């Protein structure tokens, strides 16, 4: 579904990504993880076409992304940014229907889609008329997810969607998100800094450091066959999150 070939990206004199190559399988969940500043969010922004690589190729369903075709390709993607990114002057319902309204969907079709998404994400329909400031953090993230799913995209990109939530809300939303991923069978790429969360969601985990991919696989691979000392140190540094009730993939 998604293929990156030798991607390089710099911002001025700062090298953000170095020789990034990986494939995200259709219908699977790929997790990008690593320390702050390692390039995870930059990769997501490249895939969605908000920025472009200095060199290398990004291929979506056998089509290379270019400045000329990104508008059409982006409609195949749903994008959830950190803390939701909702427009504060629009109600929850209007935030969700933004792209459908832009594309001129019939009102009946839009209403039905929002109803289906509300059921899917367990979002109360009576809250659709509220503004983002009137919603809880978990509700705002559900609205952001519904907005990303509105056009029924093939690909879902999530940039630390749960990072700003308190532990109890985060726990509940993790469970609901995984159920949604399994039900819809979208191709998902998700950024997180939490290894237990990566393990809970990921069919494939990509560990990054300083703009490079250090190792790919599952958590068990990182523990049993670390590619370098950093891998084992990263796992050991996050061990407390497992001991304190982190989500362990069964």
Protein backbone atom coordinates (compact mmCIF):
# COMPACT_ATOMS: atom_id res chain seq x y z
CA UNK A 1 0.00 0.00 0.00
CA UNK A 2 2.76 2.46 0.99
CA UNK A 3 6.38 2.24 -0.05
CA UNK A 4 9.22 4.63 0.75
CA UNK A 5 12.47 4.32 -1.21
CA UNK A 6 15.68 5.98 0.03
CA UNK A 7 13.98 9.09 1.41
CA UNK A 8 16.20 11.99 2.50
CA UNK A 9 15.01 15.28 3.97
CA UNK A 10 16.81 18.30 5.43
CA UNK A 11 15.63 21.62 6.81
CA UNK A 12 18.45 24.02 6.13
CA UNK A 13 21.57 22.53 7.66
CA UNK A 14 19.57 20.10 9.82
CA UNK A 15 19.25 16.59 8.42
CA UNK A 16 15.83 15.23 9.42
CA UNK A 17 15.76 11.91 7.53
CA UNK A 18 18.53 9.75 6.12
CA UNK A 19 18.04 6.95 3.58
CA UNK A 20 14.60 5.86 4.82
CA UNK A 21 13.25 2.75 3.12
CA UNK A 22 10.28 0.68 4.27
CA UNK A 23 6.96 -0.78 3.14
CA UNK A 24 3.64 -0.56 4.99
CA UNK A 25 1.54 -3.61 4.20
CA UNK A 26 -2.05 -3.21 3.04
CA UNK A 27 -4.49 -3.58 5.94
CA UNK A 28 -1.74 -3.65 8.57
CA UNK A 29 -0.71 -1.25 11.33
CA UNK A 30 2.83 0.11 11.11
CA UNK A 31 4.18 1.98 14.12
CA UNK A 32 6.89 4.66 13.98
CA UNK A 33 8.64 5.04 17.33
CA UNK A 34 11.77 6.64 18.68
CA UNK A 35 13.10 9.54 20.77
CA UNK A 36 11.84 13.09 20.25
CA UNK A 37 13.32 14.66 17.14
CA UNK A 38 14.13 11.35 15.45
CA UNK A 39 12.01 12.14 12.34
CA UNK A 40 8.74 10.28 13.04
CA UNK A 41 6.39 13.21 12.45
CA UNK A 42 8.42 14.40 9.47
CA UNK A 43 7.83 11.02 7.84
CA UNK A 44 4.06 11.29 8.35
CA UNK A 45 4.04 14.81 6.87
CA UNK A 46 5.96 13.52 3.85
CA UNK A 47 3.52 10.68 3.24
CA UNK A 48 0.49 12.98 3.42
CA UNK A 49 2.20 15.46 1.08
CA UNK A 50 2.51 18.46 3.41
CA UNK A 51 6.22 18.55 2.64
CA UNK A 52 8.32 16.84 -0.03
CA UNK A 53 11.55 14.81 0.19
CA UNK A 54 14.84 16.17 -1.07
CA UNK A 55 15.42 12.81 -2.74
CA UNK A 56 13.82 9.39 -2.90
CA UNK A 57 10.32 8.16 -3.75
CA UNK A 58 7.03 7.79 -1.87
CA UNK A 59 4.71 5.36 -3.64
CA UNK A 60 1.03 4.96 -2.75
CA UNK A 61 -0.81 2.05 -4.40
CA UNK A 62 1.87 1.86 -7.14
CA UNK A 63 1.69 5.62 -7.85
CA UNK A 64 4.60 7.89 -6.93
CA UNK A 65 3.56 11.05 -5.09
CA UNK A 66 4.31 14.24 -7.01
CA UNK A 67 3.26 17.87 -6.59
CA UNK A 68 0.84 17.37 -9.49
CA UNK A 69 -1.07 14.37 -8.15
CA UNK A 70 -0.93 14.85 -4.38
CA UNK A 71 -4.38 16.49 -4.31
CA UNK A 72 -6.06 13.34 -5.60
CA UNK A 73 -3.86 10.93 -3.66
CA UNK A 74 -4.49 12.79 -0.41
CA UNK A 75 -8.20 11.93 -0.67
CA UNK A 76 -7.18 8.30 -0.11
CA UNK A 77 -5.66 9.28 3.24
CA UNK A 78 -7.08 10.23 6.61
CA UNK A 79 -4.76 12.28 8.82
CA UNK A 80 -5.02 12.72 12.60
CA UNK A 81 -2.54 15.18 14.10
CA UNK A 82 -1.40 15.65 17.68
CA UNK A 83 -4.18 16.93 19.97
CA UNK A 84 -6.75 16.62 17.17
CA UNK A 85 -6.24 19.90 15.33
CA UNK A 86 -9.95 20.75 15.25
CA UNK A 87 -11.13 24.16 14.04
CA UNK A 88 -12.38 25.92 17.19
CA UNK A 89 -15.03 28.00 15.36
CA UNK A 90 -16.73 24.93 13.88
CA UNK A 91 -18.98 22.47 15.72
CA UNK A 92 -17.93 18.84 16.01
CA UNK A 93 -20.29 17.94 13.17
CA UNK A 94 -18.93 20.67 10.90
CA UNK A 95 -15.35 19.64 11.65
CA UNK A 96 -16.21 16.08 10.64
CA UNK A 97 -18.03 17.05 7.43
CA UNK A 98 -15.44 19.59 6.28
CA UNK A 99 -14.10 17.66 3.27
CA UNK A 100 -17.50 16.23 2.34
CA UNK A 101 -18.91 19.77 2.27
CA UNK A 102 -15.95 20.94 0.18
CA UNK A 103 -16.53 18.13 -2.31
CA UNK A 104 -20.26 18.89 -2.52
CA UNK A 105 -21.71 15.74 -0.99
CA UNK A 106 -25.49 15.57 -0.75
CA UNK A 107 -26.65 16.50 2.74
CA UNK A 108 -28.42 13.17 3.24
CA UNK A 109 -25.23 11.27 2.40
CA UNK A 110 -23.19 13.43 4.80
CA UNK A 111 -25.65 12.97 7.66
CA UNK A 112 -25.69 9.19 7.21
CA UNK A 113 -21.88 9.02 7.12
CA UNK A 114 -21.58 11.05 10.31
CA UNK A 115 -24.17 8.81 12.00
CA UNK A 116 -22.22 5.69 10.99
CA UNK A 117 -18.95 7.18 12.23
CA UNK A 118 -20.51 8.28 15.52
CA UNK A 119 -21.66 4.70 16.08
CA UNK A 120 -18.24 3.34 15.12
CA UNK A 121 -16.29 5.65 17.43
CA UNK A 122 -18.87 5.66 20.26
CA UNK A 123 -19.28 9.42 20.02
CA UNK A 124 -22.61 10.76 21.38
CA UNK A 125 -24.66 12.26 18.54
CA UNK A 126 -26.02 14.98 20.83
CA UNK A 127 -22.45 16.30 21.14
CA UNK A 128 -22.13 16.91 17.38
CA UNK A 129 -23.52 20.44 17.85
CA UNK A 130 -20.89 21.33 20.46
CA UNK A 131 -17.71 23.26 19.73
CA UNK A 132 -14.28 21.71 20.45
CA UNK A 133 -13.83 23.74 23.65
CA UNK A 134 -17.01 22.11 24.97
CA UNK A 135 -15.72 18.57 24.43
CA UNK A 136 -13.43 16.42 26.55
CA UNK A 137 -9.96 15.50 25.29
CA UNK A 138 -11.11 12.00 24.39
CA UNK A 139 -14.14 13.33 22.53
CA UNK A 140 -11.99 15.76 20.54
CA UNK A 141 -9.77 12.88 19.44
CA UNK A 142 -12.83 10.87 18.38
CA UNK A 143 -14.03 13.85 16.31
CA UNK A 144 -10.59 14.14 14.74
CA UNK A 145 -10.68 10.43 13.90
CA UNK A 146 -14.15 10.75 12.38
CA UNK A 147 -12.98 13.69 10.27
CA UNK A 148 -10.06 11.57 9.03
CA UNK A 149 -12.42 8.69 8.15
CA UNK A 150 -15.17 10.83 6.57
CA UNK A 151 -14.19 10.10 2.95
CA UNK A 152 -13.56 6.39 3.75
CA UNK A 153 -9.84 6.57 2.88
CA UNK A 154 -7.69 3.51 2.26
CA UNK A 155 -4.92 4.88 4.51
CA UNK A 156 -5.03 6.29 8.03
CA UNK A 157 -2.09 8.34 9.32
CA UNK A 158 -1.97 9.20 13.03
CA UNK A 159 0.67 11.42 14.64
CA UNK A 160 0.71 10.68 18.39
CA UNK A 161 -3.10 10.80 18.59
CA UNK A 162 -3.23 9.76 22.26
CA UNK A 163 -0.21 11.59 23.66
CA UNK A 164 -2.09 14.48 25.32
CA UNK A 165 -4.74 12.36 27.07
CA UNK A 166 -4.86 11.36 30.72
CA UNK A 167 -4.13 7.66 31.43
CA UNK A 168 -7.72 6.43 31.89
CA UNK A 169 -9.07 8.15 28.76
CA UNK A 170 -6.02 6.99 26.83
CA UNK A 171 -6.56 3.38 27.94
CA UNK A 172 -10.19 3.40 26.76
CA UNK A 173 -9.35 5.08 23.46
CA UNK A 174 -6.54 2.60 22.80
CA UNK A 175 -9.00 -0.27 23.09
CA UNK A 176 -11.54 1.44 20.83
CA UNK A 177 -8.92 2.43 18.26
CA UNK A 178 -7.58 -1.10 17.95
CA UNK A 179 -11.12 -2.42 17.48
CA UNK A 180 -11.71 0.19 14.76
CA UNK A 181 -8.46 -0.71 12.99
CA UNK A 182 -9.40 -4.40 13.00
CA UNK A 183 -12.95 -3.74 11.80
CA UNK A 184 -12.13 -1.31 8.97
CA UNK A 185 -8.92 -3.05 7.83
CA UNK A 186 -7.34 0.25 6.79
CA UNK A 187 -3.63 0.58 6.19
CA UNK A 188 -2.48 2.45 9.30
CA UNK A 189 0.76 4.28 10.06
CA UNK A 190 0.86 5.59 13.60
CA UNK A 191 3.48 7.64 15.44
CA UNK A 192 3.97 7.11 19.17
CA UNK A 193 6.75 7.60 21.71
CA UNK A 194 5.36 4.84 23.95
CA UNK A 195 6.77 1.35 23.38
CA UNK A 196 3.93 -0.43 25.17
CA UNK A 197 1.46 1.38 22.89
CA UNK A 198 3.54 0.43 19.85
CA UNK A 199 3.49 -3.19 20.97
CA UNK A 200 -0.28 -3.11 21.57
CA UNK A 201 -1.14 -1.72 18.13
CA UNK A 202 1.66 -2.66 15.80
CA UNK A 203 1.82 -5.44 13.25
CA UNK A 204 5.20 -3.93 12.38
CA UNK A 205 7.29 -1.54 14.51
CA UNK A 206 9.93 0.79 13.07
CA UNK A 207 12.40 2.20 15.60
CA UNK A 208 14.10 5.45 14.56
CA UNK A 209 16.98 7.53 15.86
CA UNK A 210 18.58 10.69 14.43
CA UNK A 211 16.58 10.44 11.21
CA UNK A 212 17.51 6.83 10.51
CA UNK A 213 15.71 3.51 10.85
CA UNK A 214 17.62 1.48 13.43
CA UNK A 215 15.50 -1.68 13.45
CA UNK A 216 12.17 -3.02 12.16
CA UNK A 217 10.02 -5.89 13.37
CA UNK A 218 8.14 -6.71 16.56
CA UNK A 219 9.07 -5.92 20.15
CA UNK A 220 10.26 -9.49 20.63
CA UNK A 221 12.78 -8.96 17.81
CA UNK A 222 14.10 -5.83 19.53
CA UNK A 223 14.54 -7.73 22.79
CA UNK A 224 16.04 -10.93 21.44
CA UNK A 225 18.10 -9.62 18.50
CA UNK A 226 18.78 -5.88 18.97
CA UNK A 227 20.48 -4.36 15.94
CA UNK A 228 22.69 -2.18 18.16
CA UNK A 229 23.09 -1.17 21.81
CA UNK A 230 20.62 1.72 21.42
CA UNK A 231 17.76 -0.70 20.70
CA UNK A 232 18.19 -2.56 23.98
CA UNK A 233 18.66 0.68 25.92
CA UNK A 234 15.46 2.10 24.39
CA UNK A 235 13.49 -1.00 25.39
CA UNK A 236 14.96 -1.06 28.91
CA UNK A 237 14.29 2.66 29.41
CA UNK A 238 10.58 2.10 28.76
CA UNK A 239 10.29 -1.08 30.79
CA UNK A 240 8.55 0.79 33.62
CA UNK A 241 5.58 1.53 31.34
CA UNK A 242 5.05 -2.21 30.98
CA UNK A 243 5.34 -2.82 34.71
CA UNK A 244 2.87 0.01 35.44
CA UNK A 245 0.07 -1.41 33.34
CA UNK A 246 1.16 -0.64 29.79
CA UNK A 247 -0.74 -2.32 26.97
CA UNK A 248 0.99 -5.58 26.10
CA UNK A 249 0.08 -7.17 22.80
CA UNK A 250 -1.06 -10.74 23.21
